[in-house]
């Protein structure tokens, strides 16, 4: 799993695959997960 505020657009579990996400460009599902 990636830390809150990051996402992973490839398969794998390496933390280095996680990238910071712009909160204003997240899909609704990702925003829900972030808020939760």
N, C-alpha and C. Protein backbone atom coordinates (compact mmCIF):
# COMPACT_ATOMS: atom_id res chain seq x y z
N UNK A 1 0.84 -1.20 0.00
CA UNK A 1 0.00 0.00 0.00
C UNK A 1 0.87 1.25 0.00
N UNK A 2 0.35 2.28 -0.67
CA UNK A 2 1.06 3.55 -0.71
C UNK A 2 0.61 4.43 0.45
N UNK A 3 1.45 5.34 0.90
CA UNK A 3 1.04 6.28 1.95
C UNK A 3 -0.12 7.14 1.47
N UNK A 4 -0.87 7.71 2.40
CA UNK A 4 -1.96 8.62 2.04
C UNK A 4 -1.39 9.78 1.25
N UNK A 5 -2.07 10.14 0.16
CA UNK A 5 -1.60 11.25 -0.66
C UNK A 5 -0.71 10.80 -1.81
N UNK A 6 -0.53 9.49 -1.95
CA UNK A 6 0.25 8.98 -3.07
C UNK A 6 -0.56 7.90 -3.77
N UNK A 7 -0.14 7.57 -4.98
CA UNK A 7 -0.84 6.53 -5.73
C UNK A 7 0.17 5.72 -6.51
N UNK A 8 -0.27 4.60 -7.04
CA UNK A 8 0.61 3.72 -7.80
C UNK A 8 -0.11 3.36 -9.08
N UNK A 9 0.46 3.69 -10.23
CA UNK A 9 -0.22 3.43 -11.50
C UNK A 9 0.34 2.20 -12.19
N UNK A 10 1.10 1.41 -11.46
CA UNK A 10 1.63 0.16 -12.01
C UNK A 10 1.42 -0.94 -10.98
N UNK A 11 1.47 -2.20 -11.43
CA UNK A 11 1.33 -3.31 -10.50
C UNK A 11 2.64 -3.53 -9.75
N UNK A 12 2.53 -3.91 -8.50
CA UNK A 12 3.71 -4.14 -7.70
C UNK A 12 3.52 -3.60 -6.30
N UNK A 13 4.40 -3.96 -5.40
CA UNK A 13 4.25 -3.54 -4.01
C UNK A 13 5.45 -2.73 -3.52
N UNK A 14 6.33 -2.37 -4.44
CA UNK A 14 7.50 -1.59 -4.04
C UNK A 14 7.09 -0.15 -3.71
N UNK A 15 7.49 0.37 -2.56
CA UNK A 15 7.13 1.74 -2.20
C UNK A 15 7.65 2.75 -3.21
N UNK A 16 8.71 2.43 -3.92
CA UNK A 16 9.29 3.37 -4.88
C UNK A 16 8.38 3.56 -6.08
N UNK A 17 7.37 2.70 -6.23
CA UNK A 17 6.44 2.84 -7.36
C UNK A 17 5.36 3.86 -7.07
N UNK A 18 5.28 4.31 -5.81
CA UNK A 18 4.24 5.26 -5.43
C UNK A 18 4.64 6.67 -5.85
N UNK A 19 3.64 7.41 -6.35
CA UNK A 19 3.89 8.79 -6.76
C UNK A 19 2.92 9.71 -6.04
N UNK A 20 3.35 10.93 -5.73
CA UNK A 20 2.44 11.89 -5.10
C UNK A 20 1.29 12.19 -6.05
N UNK A 21 0.10 12.40 -5.51
CA UNK A 21 -1.03 12.69 -6.37
C UNK A 21 -1.54 14.09 -6.09
N UNK A 22 -1.97 14.76 -7.16
CA UNK A 22 -2.59 16.08 -7.02
C UNK A 22 -4.03 15.86 -6.58
N UNK A 23 -4.39 16.37 -5.43
CA UNK A 23 -5.71 16.09 -4.88
C UNK A 23 -6.83 16.61 -5.77
N UNK A 24 -6.56 17.61 -6.58
CA UNK A 24 -7.62 18.16 -7.42
C UNK A 24 -7.79 17.36 -8.71
N UNK A 25 -6.98 16.33 -8.92
CA UNK A 25 -7.10 15.55 -10.16
C UNK A 25 -7.44 14.10 -9.87
N UNK A 26 -7.75 13.80 -8.61
CA UNK A 26 -8.10 12.42 -8.25
C UNK A 26 -9.52 12.09 -8.67
N UNK A 27 -9.76 10.85 -9.07
CA UNK A 27 -11.14 10.41 -9.28
C UNK A 27 -11.87 10.35 -7.95
N UNK A 28 -13.19 10.32 -7.99
CA UNK A 28 -13.98 10.36 -6.75
C UNK A 28 -13.61 9.22 -5.81
N UNK A 29 -13.37 8.04 -6.36
CA UNK A 29 -13.06 6.90 -5.50
C UNK A 29 -11.78 7.16 -4.71
N UNK A 30 -10.79 7.72 -5.37
CA UNK A 30 -9.53 7.99 -4.71
C UNK A 30 -9.70 9.07 -3.64
N UNK A 31 -10.52 10.06 -3.94
CA UNK A 31 -10.79 11.11 -2.95
C UNK A 31 -11.47 10.50 -1.74
N UNK A 32 -12.41 9.59 -1.97
CA UNK A 32 -13.10 8.94 -0.86
C UNK A 32 -12.12 8.16 0.00
N UNK A 33 -11.23 7.42 -0.64
CA UNK A 33 -10.25 6.64 0.10
C UNK A 33 -9.33 7.57 0.88
N UNK A 34 -8.95 8.69 0.28
CA UNK A 34 -8.07 9.64 0.94
C UNK A 34 -8.75 10.22 2.19
N UNK A 35 -10.01 10.58 2.04
CA UNK A 35 -10.73 11.19 3.16
C UNK A 35 -10.97 10.16 4.26
N UNK A 36 -11.29 8.95 3.86
CA UNK A 36 -11.59 7.91 4.83
C UNK A 36 -10.35 7.62 5.67
